[in-house]
């Protein structure tokens, strides 16, 4: 390990020990790292300051500049408060909403955030206990707040916590506010933070907001009659130890579903997530208990939310009666198919309605929208970009749904982030409609493939932890950018898009501009055979992600397995071709 780097980290650690602003418990943790012969923990904790990025903070909990702790949270909040006061100069009655999920230290961090905002003269609406991320977004809009914070690390492992920053539209912050907040946060020193609360400016909220949110979620419903006919749809739900535990069953009942079962072990609030390796609905392992209960109860489907209830997972039976997880791309396809088809059937689809997907999400949705004459917009990864599209068309066009491949969907505009409670209610309506028409969700998925073409999506996550990992990821992106592939797995690249330069190149290397609202460190390659490859470093985790999309012709529902096998073989060819 670099001796100079170790010295720099030791110097930073000594500053923490000498400072009067850190408590004894924190200093003891720092001292232990300093005294340990193995300096890896010290370097990881102090080699950089945990970056307040465009979405806020996310990191491993513990002492240090590169860790989530009340001091790093405090400095971030002081900077955020400074920016709000600058953005609305002289305005009276400024307010923010603060929430948190089930993670360890969640309440401590949320109360720290509330204390600092109030100490800066900003009124705080603090949720009484853990609440879903989408409800925090909803509350910001409902209460007319100028901003909000939700303390959550979403689906990350138990060691993590995070801090999502929201603006007055209920969406995570975008330009110019994102860089403005970051600039203010970077100016803050620990001695600048006002930790002592003004308790008169902190108002606890809870049940009434739950009721208003649930009422709004009912607006997502498309066909009440089909729910009434299939009110006994057999539903199993897991909260994954998190914030959906009360609100999701209540929302389902308010829609008219009467046969709801919960996974009892995973309804227990616990930031250690004892029943799963990682509380990520993308991982099949996390759904094991739900599938076991579903088998015992002969359920029609199993659904789950991640700890902050913005992502959802859907499990249904395949043609052999075996449980399969509907992946994130298939989830978006199902939602968009049903929204278009049933709004058309019921006369609810208007020419001004529009859908949104992210650039790494399946192109099947694009074909679906085009074939039905519905406007579809492509945006960058992250729901703040979907929220931006909603905001741009507010009062002129109606947003009817938007999603991304990472198990997130938003079916209405009252919330401006991924919304699992609303999406779970809608997928249960879709399952009810399918059952009403003699189909399972799996049958519906096959119907979509037959109508719009088979597509197989696979994400390769190359994990590179720590500083050395960050350097490797940077080098990989630079190599792809300077040496773009001419062919991938034997198929010629016909279009290459570089969103950092906002230029797309044809097979001859001729460039044309890409119309996007900002640059982004994403590369995309489109091949002659329909293959699509997207490459981007994760904004929240130490990894580089490769999103692969493979096309095939599916002649019948029974042809699905063969298409999948061919696609899996093609994935390996693509990985070899890209050297990953």
Protein backbone atom coordinates (compact mmCIF):
# COMPACT_ATOMS: atom_id res chain seq x y z
CA UNK A 1 0.00 0.00 0.00
CA UNK A 2 1.16 3.56 -0.78
CA UNK A 3 3.02 4.91 2.29
CA UNK A 4 2.22 8.51 1.35
CA UNK A 5 -1.52 7.69 1.27
CA UNK A 6 -1.26 5.99 4.69
CA UNK A 7 0.44 9.11 6.10
CA UNK A 8 -2.31 11.35 4.69
CA UNK A 9 -5.00 9.15 6.23
CA UNK A 10 -3.19 9.06 9.58
CA UNK A 11 -2.99 12.86 9.57
CA UNK A 12 -6.75 13.15 8.91
CA UNK A 13 -7.47 10.62 11.66
CA UNK A 14 -5.30 12.58 14.12
CA UNK A 15 -7.34 15.72 13.29
CA UNK A 16 -10.49 13.85 14.37
CA UNK A 17 -8.83 12.76 17.61
CA UNK A 18 -7.69 16.33 18.39
CA UNK A 19 -11.03 17.96 17.53
CA UNK A 20 -13.51 18.88 20.29
CA UNK A 21 -16.43 18.28 17.89
CA UNK A 22 -16.35 14.45 17.78
CA UNK A 23 -17.67 12.27 20.61
CA UNK A 24 -15.59 9.77 22.58
CA UNK A 25 -17.14 6.73 20.91
CA UNK A 26 -16.14 8.04 17.48
CA UNK A 27 -12.62 8.86 18.71
CA UNK A 28 -12.21 5.36 20.16
CA UNK A 29 -13.11 3.86 16.76
CA UNK A 30 -10.60 6.14 15.01
CA UNK A 31 -7.89 5.33 17.57
CA UNK A 32 -8.39 1.59 17.03
CA UNK A 33 -7.88 2.03 13.28
CA UNK A 34 -4.71 4.06 13.86
CA UNK A 35 -3.27 1.43 16.21
CA UNK A 36 -4.06 -1.50 13.91
CA UNK A 37 -1.01 -2.73 11.98
CA UNK A 38 -3.25 -3.45 8.99
CA UNK A 39 -3.97 0.03 7.60
CA UNK A 40 -6.66 -1.01 5.09
CA UNK A 41 -9.55 -0.02 7.35
CA UNK A 42 -7.92 3.34 8.13
CA UNK A 43 -7.29 4.11 4.46
CA UNK A 44 -10.80 3.12 3.39
CA UNK A 45 -12.26 5.30 6.17
CA UNK A 46 -10.13 8.40 5.48
CA UNK A 47 -8.67 8.29 1.94
CA UNK A 48 -11.41 10.63 0.70
CA UNK A 49 -14.45 12.50 1.96
CA UNK A 50 -17.70 10.66 1.34
CA UNK A 51 -18.90 12.53 -1.70
CA UNK A 52 -22.19 14.37 -1.59
CA UNK A 53 -23.21 13.51 -5.13
CA UNK A 54 -26.21 14.49 -7.22
CA UNK A 55 -28.39 12.01 -5.32
CA UNK A 56 -26.99 12.74 -1.86
CA UNK A 57 -24.83 10.42 0.22
CA UNK A 58 -24.39 6.66 0.45
CA UNK A 59 -21.69 4.72 2.24
CA UNK A 60 -20.65 2.21 4.89
CA UNK A 61 -21.47 3.33 8.45
CA UNK A 62 -18.63 4.09 10.83
CA UNK A 63 -16.11 6.72 11.86
CA UNK A 64 -14.13 8.57 9.20
CA UNK A 65 -14.46 11.09 6.37
CA UNK A 66 -15.44 8.35 3.91
CA UNK A 67 -18.12 6.84 6.16
CA UNK A 68 -21.76 7.49 7.01
CA UNK A 69 -21.89 8.97 10.54
CA UNK A 70 -23.75 11.82 12.22
CA UNK A 71 -20.90 14.24 11.52
CA UNK A 72 -20.77 13.60 7.77
CA UNK A 73 -24.60 13.68 7.73
CA UNK A 74 -24.41 16.91 9.76
CA UNK A 75 -22.05 18.66 7.37
CA UNK A 76 -24.14 17.56 4.37
CA UNK A 77 -27.30 18.90 6.01
CA UNK A 78 -25.70 22.21 6.98
CA UNK A 79 -24.62 22.68 3.37
CA UNK A 80 -28.09 21.72 2.12
CA UNK A 81 -29.69 24.19 4.58
CA UNK A 82 -27.29 26.93 3.43
CA UNK A 83 -28.29 26.31 -0.18
CA UNK A 84 -32.03 26.38 0.59
CA UNK A 85 -31.62 29.72 2.39
CA UNK A 86 -29.70 31.09 -0.63
CA UNK A 87 -32.21 29.70 -3.14
CA UNK A 88 -35.20 31.34 -1.41
CA UNK A 89 -33.74 34.59 0.03
CA UNK A 90 -35.97 36.39 2.52
CA UNK A 91 -38.82 33.92 2.04
CA UNK A 92 -40.78 33.16 5.21
CA UNK A 93 -42.05 29.72 6.24
CA UNK A 94 -39.45 27.61 4.44
CA UNK A 95 -39.98 23.92 5.20
CA UNK A 96 -38.53 20.49 4.50
CA UNK A 97 -39.72 16.90 4.95
CA UNK A 98 -37.44 14.34 6.66
CA UNK A 99 -37.94 10.58 6.70
CA UNK A 100 -35.94 7.39 7.15
CA UNK A 101 -36.18 3.64 6.58
CA UNK A 102 -35.40 0.63 8.79
CA UNK A 103 -31.62 0.78 8.66
CA UNK A 104 -29.39 0.91 11.71
CA UNK A 105 -28.83 4.55 12.77
CA UNK A 106 -31.72 5.63 10.52
CA UNK A 107 -33.62 7.41 13.29
CA UNK A 108 -30.44 8.96 14.70
CA UNK A 109 -29.47 10.36 11.30
CA UNK A 110 -33.03 11.57 10.55
CA UNK A 111 -33.25 13.37 13.90
CA UNK A 112 -29.79 14.87 13.28
CA UNK A 113 -30.99 16.15 9.89
CA UNK A 114 -34.17 17.58 11.45
CA UNK A 115 -32.22 19.26 14.25
CA UNK A 116 -29.83 21.01 11.84
CA UNK A 117 -32.54 22.25 9.47
CA UNK A 118 -34.53 23.61 12.43
CA UNK A 119 -31.42 25.26 13.91
CA UNK A 120 -31.10 27.12 10.61
CA UNK A 121 -34.65 28.47 10.89
CA UNK A 122 -36.23 25.97 8.48
CA UNK A 123 -39.43 24.21 9.56
CA UNK A 124 -39.16 20.41 9.52
CA UNK A 125 -41.92 17.88 8.97
CA UNK A 126 -40.34 14.77 10.53
CA UNK A 127 -42.06 11.41 10.04
CA UNK A 128 -42.83 9.74 13.37
CA UNK A 129 -41.14 6.50 12.30
CA UNK A 130 -39.92 4.71 9.20
CA UNK A 131 -41.79 5.46 5.95
CA UNK A 132 -41.42 4.50 2.26
CA UNK A 133 -39.30 6.72 0.03
CA UNK A 134 -42.27 7.44 -2.28
CA UNK A 135 -44.32 8.70 0.67
CA UNK A 136 -41.53 11.18 1.51
CA UNK A 137 -41.63 12.40 -2.11
CA UNK A 138 -45.44 12.65 -1.92
CA UNK A 139 -45.31 14.57 1.38
CA UNK A 140 -42.91 17.19 -0.03
CA UNK A 141 -45.43 17.99 -2.75
CA UNK A 142 -48.48 17.73 -0.46
CA UNK A 143 -47.04 20.05 2.21
CA UNK A 144 -45.50 22.55 -0.21
CA UNK A 145 -42.04 21.97 1.25
CA UNK A 146 -38.99 23.40 -0.49
CA UNK A 147 -36.92 20.25 -0.11
CA UNK A 148 -36.63 16.93 1.69
CA UNK A 149 -34.27 14.25 2.92
CA UNK A 150 -34.84 10.53 3.23
CA UNK A 151 -32.25 8.59 5.21
CA UNK A 152 -31.91 5.32 3.33
CA UNK A 153 -29.41 3.18 1.46
CA UNK A 154 -32.20 1.55 -0.54
CA UNK A 155 -31.29 -2.10 -1.30
CA UNK A 156 -27.61 -1.97 -0.25
CA UNK A 157 -26.22 -4.45 2.32
CA UNK A 158 -26.75 -3.86 6.05
CA UNK A 159 -23.40 -2.06 6.56
CA UNK A 160 -24.63 0.88 4.47
CA UNK A 161 -26.78 3.91 5.06
CA UNK A 162 -27.48 6.90 2.88
CA UNK A 163 -29.14 10.24 2.40
CA UNK A 164 -31.39 11.06 -0.55
CA UNK A 165 -31.84 14.78 -1.21
CA UNK A 166 -35.10 16.03 -2.74
CA UNK A 167 -36.22 19.37 -4.14
CA UNK A 168 -39.63 21.08 -3.98
CA UNK A 169 -41.10 19.03 -6.86
CA UNK A 170 -40.61 15.85 -4.80
CA UNK A 171 -37.85 14.59 -7.10
CA UNK A 172 -34.21 14.00 -6.30
CA UNK A 173 -32.27 17.16 -7.08
CA UNK A 174 -31.23 18.03 -10.63
CA UNK A 175 -29.29 20.94 -12.18
CA UNK A 176 -28.73 23.63 -11.18
CA UNK A 177 -29.61 22.71 -7.60
CA UNK A 178 -27.52 19.52 -7.50
CA UNK A 179 -24.19 21.24 -8.14
CA UNK A 180 -25.29 24.25 -6.05
CA UNK A 181 -25.93 22.02 -3.03
CA UNK A 182 -22.67 20.13 -3.59
CA UNK A 183 -20.74 23.43 -3.65
CA UNK A 184 -22.32 24.50 -0.36
CA UNK A 185 -21.70 21.11 1.27
CA UNK A 186 -18.05 21.19 0.24
CA UNK A 187 -17.56 24.55 2.03
CA UNK A 188 -18.82 23.26 5.39
CA UNK A 189 -16.43 22.38 8.22
CA UNK A 190 -17.51 20.46 11.30
CA UNK A 191 -17.40 23.62 13.44
CA UNK A 192 -19.97 25.26 11.12
CA UNK A 193 -22.68 22.68 11.82
CA UNK A 194 -25.60 23.79 14.00
CA UNK A 195 -26.45 20.56 15.80
CA UNK A 196 -28.73 22.06 18.48
CA UNK A 197 -32.39 21.86 17.35
CA UNK A 198 -35.07 24.52 17.48
CA UNK A 199 -37.78 22.16 18.69
CA UNK A 200 -40.54 24.65 17.91
CA UNK A 201 -39.74 24.22 14.21
CA UNK A 202 -40.00 20.40 14.21
CA UNK A 203 -43.46 18.95 13.55
CA UNK A 204 -44.01 15.20 13.73
CA UNK A 205 -46.18 13.76 10.92
CA UNK A 206 -47.52 10.27 10.31
CA UNK A 207 -51.02 8.82 10.06
CA UNK A 208 -52.72 11.68 8.22
CA UNK A 209 -50.01 11.67 5.54
CA UNK A 210 -50.34 7.88 5.26
CA UNK A 211 -54.06 8.32 4.56
CA UNK A 212 -53.45 11.05 1.95
CA UNK A 213 -50.78 8.95 0.24
CA UNK A 214 -52.99 5.85 0.17
CA UNK A 215 -55.84 7.93 -1.28
CA UNK A 216 -53.51 9.16 -4.04
CA UNK A 217 -52.32 5.60 -4.79
CA UNK A 218 -55.94 4.60 -5.54
CA UNK A 219 -55.84 6.99 -8.51
CA UNK A 220 -53.49 4.51 -10.22
CA UNK A 221 -56.30 1.94 -10.51
CA UNK A 222 -57.43 1.39 -14.11
CA UNK A 223 -60.18 -1.25 -13.85
CA UNK A 224 -62.05 -1.51 -10.54
CA UNK A 225 -64.46 -4.08 -11.97
CA UNK A 226 -61.77 -6.66 -12.68
CA UNK A 227 -60.48 -6.31 -9.10
CA UNK A 228 -63.99 -6.84 -7.78
CA UNK A 229 -64.35 -10.02 -9.86
CA UNK A 230 -60.94 -11.30 -8.70
CA UNK A 231 -60.91 -9.89 -5.15
CA UNK A 232 -59.81 -13.31 -3.85
CA UNK A 233 -56.58 -13.21 -5.87
CA UNK A 234 -54.13 -15.05 -3.60
CA UNK A 235 -51.31 -12.58 -2.82
CA UNK A 236 -48.19 -13.14 -0.68
CA UNK A 237 -46.23 -10.03 0.33
CA UNK A 238 -42.83 -9.47 1.96
CA UNK A 239 -41.64 -6.13 3.39
CA UNK A 240 -37.97 -7.28 3.48
CA UNK A 241 -37.80 -5.96 7.10
CA UNK A 242 -38.57 -2.45 5.89
CA UNK A 243 -40.99 0.39 5.33
CA UNK A 244 -43.66 -1.34 3.26
CA UNK A 245 -44.86 -3.52 6.14
CA UNK A 246 -47.97 -1.47 6.99
CA UNK A 247 -48.66 0.65 3.93
CA UNK A 248 -48.57 -2.06 1.23
CA UNK A 249 -51.19 -4.41 2.78
CA UNK A 250 -53.36 -1.37 3.59
CA UNK A 251 -53.12 -0.08 0.01
CA UNK A 252 -53.98 -3.51 -1.40
CA UNK A 253 -57.04 -3.77 0.84
CA UNK A 254 -58.14 -0.26 -0.11
CA UNK A 255 -58.06 -1.38 -3.76
CA UNK A 256 -60.41 -4.26 -2.93
CA UNK A 257 -58.05 -7.24 -2.62
CA UNK A 258 -59.15 -9.47 0.26
CA UNK A 259 -56.79 -12.45 0.23
CA UNK A 260 -53.45 -10.97 1.32
CA UNK A 261 -50.83 -12.95 3.23
CA UNK A 262 -47.54 -11.61 4.59
CA UNK A 263 -44.17 -13.31 5.17
CA UNK A 264 -44.09 -13.01 8.99
CA UNK A 265 -40.30 -13.31 9.43
CA UNK A 266 -39.74 -10.43 6.99
CA UNK A 267 -42.38 -8.12 8.51
CA UNK A 268 -40.07 -7.58 11.51
CA UNK A 269 -38.31 -4.20 11.34
CA UNK A 270 -34.59 -4.98 11.46
CA UNK A 271 -31.68 -3.09 9.90
CA UNK A 272 -29.55 -6.24 10.06
CA UNK A 273 -31.86 -7.98 7.54
CA UNK A 274 -31.46 -11.35 9.29
CA UNK A 275 -33.43 -13.45 6.76
CA UNK A 276 -31.53 -12.38 3.63
CA UNK A 277 -27.94 -12.08 2.48
CA UNK A 278 -28.80 -8.70 0.95
CA UNK A 279 -32.21 -6.95 0.96
CA UNK A 280 -32.23 -6.54 -2.80
CA UNK A 281 -35.32 -7.72 -4.74
CA UNK A 282 -33.04 -8.26 -7.75
CA UNK A 283 -31.52 -11.23 -5.89
CA UNK A 284 -33.56 -14.45 -6.04
CA UNK A 285 -32.19 -15.46 -2.62
CA UNK A 286 -34.07 -12.57 -0.96
CA UNK A 287 -37.37 -13.99 -2.26
CA UNK A 288 -36.91 -17.53 -0.90
CA UNK A 289 -39.17 -17.19 2.14
CA UNK A 290 -41.89 -15.56 0.07
CA UNK A 291 -41.82 -18.37 -2.48
CA UNK A 292 -41.97 -21.00 0.28
CA UNK A 293 -45.07 -19.35 1.75
CA UNK A 294 -46.52 -18.95 -1.74
CA UNK A 295 -46.13 -22.68 -2.33
CA UNK A 296 -47.76 -23.56 0.99
CA UNK A 297 -50.72 -21.25 0.33
CA UNK A 298 -50.96 -21.98 -3.42
CA UNK A 299 -50.62 -18.24 -4.08
CA UNK A 300 -51.19 -16.62 -7.46
CA UNK A 301 -48.19 -14.34 -7.04
CA UNK A 302 -45.56 -13.25 -4.52
CA UNK A 303 -44.58 -9.57 -4.26
CA UNK A 304 -41.98 -7.77 -2.17
CA UNK A 305 -40.55 -4.32 -1.52
CA UNK A 306 -36.96 -3.39 -0.71
CA UNK A 307 -36.23 -1.71 2.67
CA UNK A 308 -37.30 1.79 1.60
CA UNK A 309 -40.18 0.48 -0.56
CA UNK A 310 -39.22 2.17 -3.79
CA UNK A 311 -38.32 -1.06 -5.65
CA UNK A 312 -40.57 -4.07 -6.04
CA UNK A 313 -40.13 -7.73 -6.89
CA UNK A 314 -42.74 -9.93 -8.57
CA UNK A 315 -42.71 -13.73 -8.51
CA UNK A 316 -45.18 -15.82 -10.53
CA UNK A 317 -45.52 -19.42 -11.72
CA UNK A 318 -44.19 -20.49 -15.10
CA UNK A 319 -45.85 -22.98 -17.47
CA UNK A 320 -44.64 -25.87 -15.27
CA UNK A 321 -45.99 -24.29 -12.07
CA UNK A 322 -42.50 -23.35 -10.83
CA UNK A 323 -41.87 -19.95 -9.23
CA UNK A 324 -39.89 -17.48 -11.36
CA UNK A 325 -38.90 -13.89 -10.62
CA UNK A 326 -40.09 -11.39 -13.20
CA UNK A 327 -36.96 -9.37 -13.91
CA UNK A 328 -36.83 -5.57 -13.96
CA UNK A 329 -37.16 -5.21 -17.73
CA UNK A 330 -40.06 -7.67 -17.85
CA UNK A 331 -41.69 -5.73 -15.00
CA UNK A 332 -41.57 -2.49 -17.03
CA UNK A 333 -42.85 -4.34 -20.11
CA UNK A 334 -45.82 -5.77 -18.19
CA UNK A 335 -46.79 -2.43 -16.68
CA UNK A 336 -46.55 -0.55 -19.99
CA UNK A 337 -48.43 -3.27 -21.89
CA UNK A 338 -51.31 -3.27 -19.41
CA UNK A 339 -51.47 0.52 -19.07
CA UNK A 340 -51.66 0.97 -22.86
CA UNK A 341 -54.00 -1.96 -23.58
CA UNK A 342 -56.50 -1.38 -20.79
CA UNK A 343 -56.57 2.39 -20.96
CA UNK A 344 -57.33 1.92 -24.69
CA UNK A 345 -60.04 -0.65 -23.95
CA UNK A 346 -61.71 1.58 -21.35
CA UNK A 347 -61.38 4.79 -23.37
CA UNK A 348 -58.91 6.27 -20.88
CA UNK A 349 -55.92 6.68 -23.25
CA UNK A 350 -55.44 10.20 -24.61
CA UNK A 351 -53.20 11.53 -27.37
CA UNK A 352 -51.32 13.66 -24.82
CA UNK A 353 -50.43 10.71 -22.55
CA UNK A 354 -46.78 9.66 -22.41
CA UNK A 355 -44.51 6.97 -20.97
CA UNK A 356 -40.85 7.23 -19.96
CA UNK A 357 -38.06 4.66 -19.78
CA UNK A 358 -34.34 4.91 -19.13
CA UNK A 359 -31.80 4.41 -21.91
CA UNK A 360 -30.62 1.08 -20.44
CA UNK A 361 -34.16 -0.34 -20.21
CA UNK A 362 -35.49 -2.81 -22.80
CA UNK A 363 -36.31 -1.57 -26.30
CA UNK A 364 -39.42 -3.80 -26.30
CA UNK A 365 -41.20 -0.92 -24.54
CA UNK A 366 -40.21 1.38 -27.44
CA UNK A 367 -41.78 -1.02 -29.96
CA UNK A 368 -44.88 -1.30 -27.79
CA UNK A 369 -45.32 2.47 -27.61
CA UNK A 370 -44.62 2.98 -31.31
CA UNK A 371 -47.08 0.29 -32.41
CA UNK A 372 -49.85 1.83 -30.27
CA UNK A 373 -49.11 5.47 -31.10
CA UNK A 374 -48.12 6.37 -27.54
CA UNK A 375 -45.30 8.83 -26.91
CA UNK A 376 -42.29 7.26 -25.20
CA UNK A 377 -39.36 9.28 -23.88
CA UNK A 378 -35.87 7.97 -23.16
CA UNK A 379 -33.91 9.44 -20.27
CA UNK A 380 -30.83 8.72 -18.19
CA UNK A 381 -30.74 6.07 -15.48
CA UNK A 382 -32.31 7.24 -12.24
CA UNK A 383 -35.82 8.32 -11.42
CA UNK A 384 -34.84 11.98 -11.08
CA UNK A 385 -34.63 12.01 -14.88
CA UNK A 386 -38.07 10.41 -15.22
CA UNK A 387 -39.34 13.03 -12.74
CA UNK A 388 -37.80 15.74 -14.92
CA UNK A 389 -39.86 14.58 -17.91
CA UNK A 390 -43.03 14.72 -15.78
CA UNK A 391 -42.16 18.25 -14.62
CA UNK A 392 -41.43 19.46 -18.18
CA UNK A 393 -44.92 18.44 -19.33
CA UNK A 394 -46.88 19.30 -16.20
CA UNK A 395 -50.22 20.86 -17.12
CA UNK A 396 -49.72 20.05 -20.82
CA UNK A 397 -49.40 16.28 -21.06
CA UNK A 398 -50.21 13.40 -18.74
CA UNK A 399 -47.58 10.99 -17.48
CA UNK A 400 -49.06 7.46 -17.34
CA UNK A 401 -46.03 5.42 -16.35
CA UNK A 402 -42.27 5.19 -16.27
CA UNK A 403 -39.69 2.63 -15.27
CA UNK A 404 -36.16 1.35 -15.28
CA UNK A 405 -34.60 -2.10 -15.43
CA UNK A 406 -33.55 -2.12 -11.77
CA UNK A 407 -36.98 -3.15 -10.46
CA UNK A 408 -38.42 0.37 -10.27
CA UNK A 409 -41.67 1.74 -11.67
CA UNK A 410 -43.85 4.82 -11.15
CA UNK A 411 -47.45 4.58 -12.41
CA UNK A 412 -48.67 8.12 -11.58
CA UNK A 413 -47.45 11.69 -11.13
CA UNK A 414 -48.35 12.38 -7.48
CA UNK A 415 -44.94 10.93 -6.53
CA UNK A 416 -41.66 11.76 -8.25
CA UNK A 417 -39.57 8.71 -7.40
CA UNK A 418 -39.91 4.95 -7.77
CA UNK A 419 -43.09 3.84 -6.01
CA UNK A 420 -43.37 0.21 -4.93
CA UNK A 421 -46.68 0.42 -2.99
CA UNK A 422 -48.49 1.94 -6.00
CA UNK A 423 -46.74 -0.44 -8.41
CA UNK A 424 -47.57 -3.51 -6.29
CA UNK A 425 -51.24 -2.54 -6.28
CA UNK A 426 -51.13 -2.16 -10.07
CA UNK A 427 -49.31 -5.48 -10.66
CA UNK A 428 -51.98 -7.18 -8.55
CA UNK A 429 -54.63 -5.56 -10.75
CA UNK A 430 -52.72 -6.87 -13.78
CA UNK A 431 -52.63 -10.37 -12.24
CA UNK A 432 -56.39 -10.09 -11.58
CA UNK A 433 -57.01 -9.05 -15.20
CA UNK A 434 -54.84 -11.91 -16.46
CA UNK A 435 -56.73 -14.39 -14.26
CA UNK A 436 -60.03 -12.93 -15.46
CA UNK A 437 -58.85 -13.76 -18.99
CA UNK A 438 -57.67 -17.29 -18.13
CA UNK A 439 -54.00 -16.36 -17.93
CA UNK A 440 -51.23 -16.19 -15.35
CA UNK A 441 -48.69 -13.34 -15.28
CA UNK A 442 -46.30 -15.73 -17.01
CA UNK A 443 -48.82 -16.33 -19.80
CA UNK A 444 -49.15 -12.58 -20.16
CA UNK A 445 -45.37 -12.22 -20.44
CA UNK A 446 -45.32 -14.83 -23.24
CA UNK A 447 -48.14 -12.96 -25.00
CA UNK A 448 -46.04 -9.76 -24.90
CA UNK A 449 -43.01 -11.54 -26.38
CA UNK A 450 -45.11 -13.07 -29.15
CA UNK A 451 -46.62 -9.72 -30.03
CA UNK A 452 -43.52 -7.51 -29.74
CA UNK A 453 -40.56 -9.87 -30.17
CA UNK A 454 -38.33 -11.79 -27.78
CA UNK A 455 -35.72 -9.87 -25.83
CA UNK A 456 -33.29 -11.11 -23.18
CA UNK A 457 -31.66 -8.63 -20.85
CA UNK A 458 -28.70 -9.39 -18.63
CA UNK A 459 -26.62 -7.10 -16.41
CA UNK A 460 -22.98 -7.89 -15.69
CA UNK A 461 -21.71 -6.19 -12.52
CA UNK A 462 -17.95 -5.95 -12.30
CA UNK A 463 -17.29 -5.06 -8.64
CA UNK A 464 -14.12 -3.09 -7.86
CA UNK A 465 -14.08 -1.96 -4.20
CA UNK A 466 -11.92 0.72 -2.57
CA UNK A 467 -9.64 3.35 -4.10
CA UNK A 468 -7.82 0.89 -6.37
CA UNK A 469 -11.21 -0.30 -7.64
CA UNK A 470 -12.34 3.24 -8.42
CA UNK A 471 -9.13 3.74 -10.44
CA UNK A 472 -9.71 0.49 -12.36
CA UNK A 473 -13.29 1.46 -13.21
CA UNK A 474 -12.10 4.83 -14.51
CA UNK A 475 -9.44 3.14 -16.65
CA UNK A 476 -11.99 0.68 -18.10
CA UNK A 477 -14.31 3.53 -19.16
CA UNK A 478 -11.40 5.44 -20.71
CA UNK A 479 -10.35 2.35 -22.66
CA UNK A 480 -13.86 1.73 -24.07
CA UNK A 481 -14.13 5.42 -24.96
CA UNK A 482 -10.80 5.60 -26.79
CA UNK A 483 -11.00 2.09 -28.32
CA UNK A 484 -14.71 1.47 -29.09
CA UNK A 485 -15.57 -2.03 -30.32
CA UNK A 486 -16.21 -2.39 -34.06
CA UNK A 487 -18.11 -5.63 -33.53
CA UNK A 488 -19.57 -7.44 -30.54
CA UNK A 489 -19.90 -11.24 -30.52
CA UNK A 490 -19.62 -11.33 -34.30
CA UNK A 491 -22.17 -8.61 -35.05
CA UNK A 492 -21.10 -5.25 -36.47
CA UNK A 493 -21.63 -2.17 -34.26
CA UNK A 494 -23.82 0.17 -36.36
CA UNK A 495 -24.34 2.92 -33.78
CA UNK A 496 -22.10 3.91 -30.85
CA UNK A 497 -23.34 6.54 -28.39
CA UNK A 498 -21.10 8.48 -26.02
CA UNK A 499 -23.26 10.37 -23.56
CA UNK A 500 -20.24 12.06 -21.96
CA UNK A 501 -19.62 13.80 -25.30
CA UNK A 502 -23.30 13.77 -26.40
CA UNK A 503 -22.27 12.35 -29.78
CA UNK A 504 -23.37 9.22 -31.59
CA UNK A 505 -21.24 7.59 -34.26
CA UNK A 506 -22.29 5.42 -37.19
CA UNK A 507 -20.33 2.38 -38.42
CA UNK A 508 -18.06 4.67 -40.47
CA UNK A 509 -17.29 6.84 -37.45
CA UNK A 510 -19.37 9.84 -38.56
CA UNK A 511 -20.67 11.68 -35.50
CA UNK A 512 -23.99 13.44 -34.93
CA UNK A 513 -25.20 15.23 -31.77
CA UNK A 514 -27.36 13.50 -29.12
CA UNK A 515 -30.14 15.64 -27.63
CA UNK A 516 -30.00 15.11 -23.85
CA UNK A 517 -30.29 17.62 -20.98
CA UNK A 518 -26.79 16.92 -19.62
CA UNK A 519 -23.74 14.76 -20.17
CA UNK A 520 -23.44 11.38 -18.45
CA UNK A 521 -20.65 8.82 -18.22
CA UNK A 522 -22.47 6.19 -20.30
CA UNK A 523 -21.47 4.38 -23.49
CA UNK A 524 -23.89 2.42 -25.71
CA UNK A 525 -23.39 0.13 -28.68
CA UNK A 526 -26.15 -1.04 -31.04
CA UNK A 527 -25.37 -3.99 -33.30
CA UNK A 528 -26.71 -5.18 -36.65
CA UNK A 529 -28.39 -8.22 -35.06
CA UNK A 530 -30.33 -6.05 -32.56
CA UNK A 531 -27.89 -6.51 -29.67
CA UNK A 532 -27.61 -3.47 -27.41
CA UNK A 533 -24.79 -2.99 -24.88
CA UNK A 534 -24.71 -0.14 -22.36
CA UNK A 535 -21.73 0.55 -20.09
CA UNK A 536 -21.77 2.81 -17.03
CA UNK A 537 -20.12 3.04 -13.62
CA UNK A 538 -22.65 2.75 -10.78
CA UNK A 539 -23.40 6.05 -9.08
CA UNK A 540 -23.97 4.44 -5.68
CA UNK A 541 -21.84 1.27 -5.54
CA UNK A 542 -18.19 0.37 -6.33
CA UNK A 543 -18.89 -1.33 -9.65
CA UNK A 544 -19.08 -0.89 -13.40
CA UNK A 545 -22.26 -2.18 -15.02
CA UNK A 546 -22.74 -3.73 -18.46
CA UNK A 547 -26.36 -3.92 -19.59
CA UNK A 548 -26.82 -6.47 -22.39
CA UNK A 549 -29.96 -6.79 -24.53
CA UNK A 550 -30.25 -9.68 -27.00
CA UNK A 551 -32.96 -10.19 -29.64
CA UNK A 552 -34.47 -13.36 -31.11
CA UNK A 553 -37.59 -14.50 -32.93
CA UNK A 554 -40.10 -16.38 -30.77
CA UNK A 555 -42.61 -18.36 -32.81
CA UNK A 556 -44.73 -19.75 -29.95
CA UNK A 557 -45.01 -19.66 -26.16
CA UNK A 558 -43.20 -23.00 -25.95
CA UNK A 559 -40.27 -21.51 -27.87
CA UNK A 560 -39.37 -19.27 -24.93
CA UNK A 561 -36.97 -21.71 -23.24
CA UNK A 562 -35.00 -22.19 -26.47
CA UNK A 563 -34.74 -18.42 -26.98
CA UNK A 564 -33.44 -18.02 -23.41
CA UNK A 565 -30.79 -20.72 -23.88
CA UNK A 566 -29.55 -19.15 -27.11
CA UNK A 567 -29.50 -15.73 -25.43
CA UNK A 568 -27.49 -17.04 -22.46
CA UNK A 569 -24.91 -18.47 -24.84
CA UNK A 570 -24.81 -15.10 -26.63
CA UNK A 571 -24.21 -13.35 -23.26
CA UNK A 572 -21.03 -15.42 -22.82
CA UNK A 573 -19.93 -14.52 -26.37
CA UNK A 574 -20.51 -10.82 -25.62
CA UNK A 575 -18.57 -11.02 -22.35
CA UNK A 576 -15.61 -12.62 -24.12
CA UNK A 577 -15.84 -10.05 -26.89
CA UNK A 578 -15.74 -7.17 -24.39
CA UNK A 579 -13.12 -8.79 -22.16
CA UNK A 580 -15.27 -8.84 -19.02
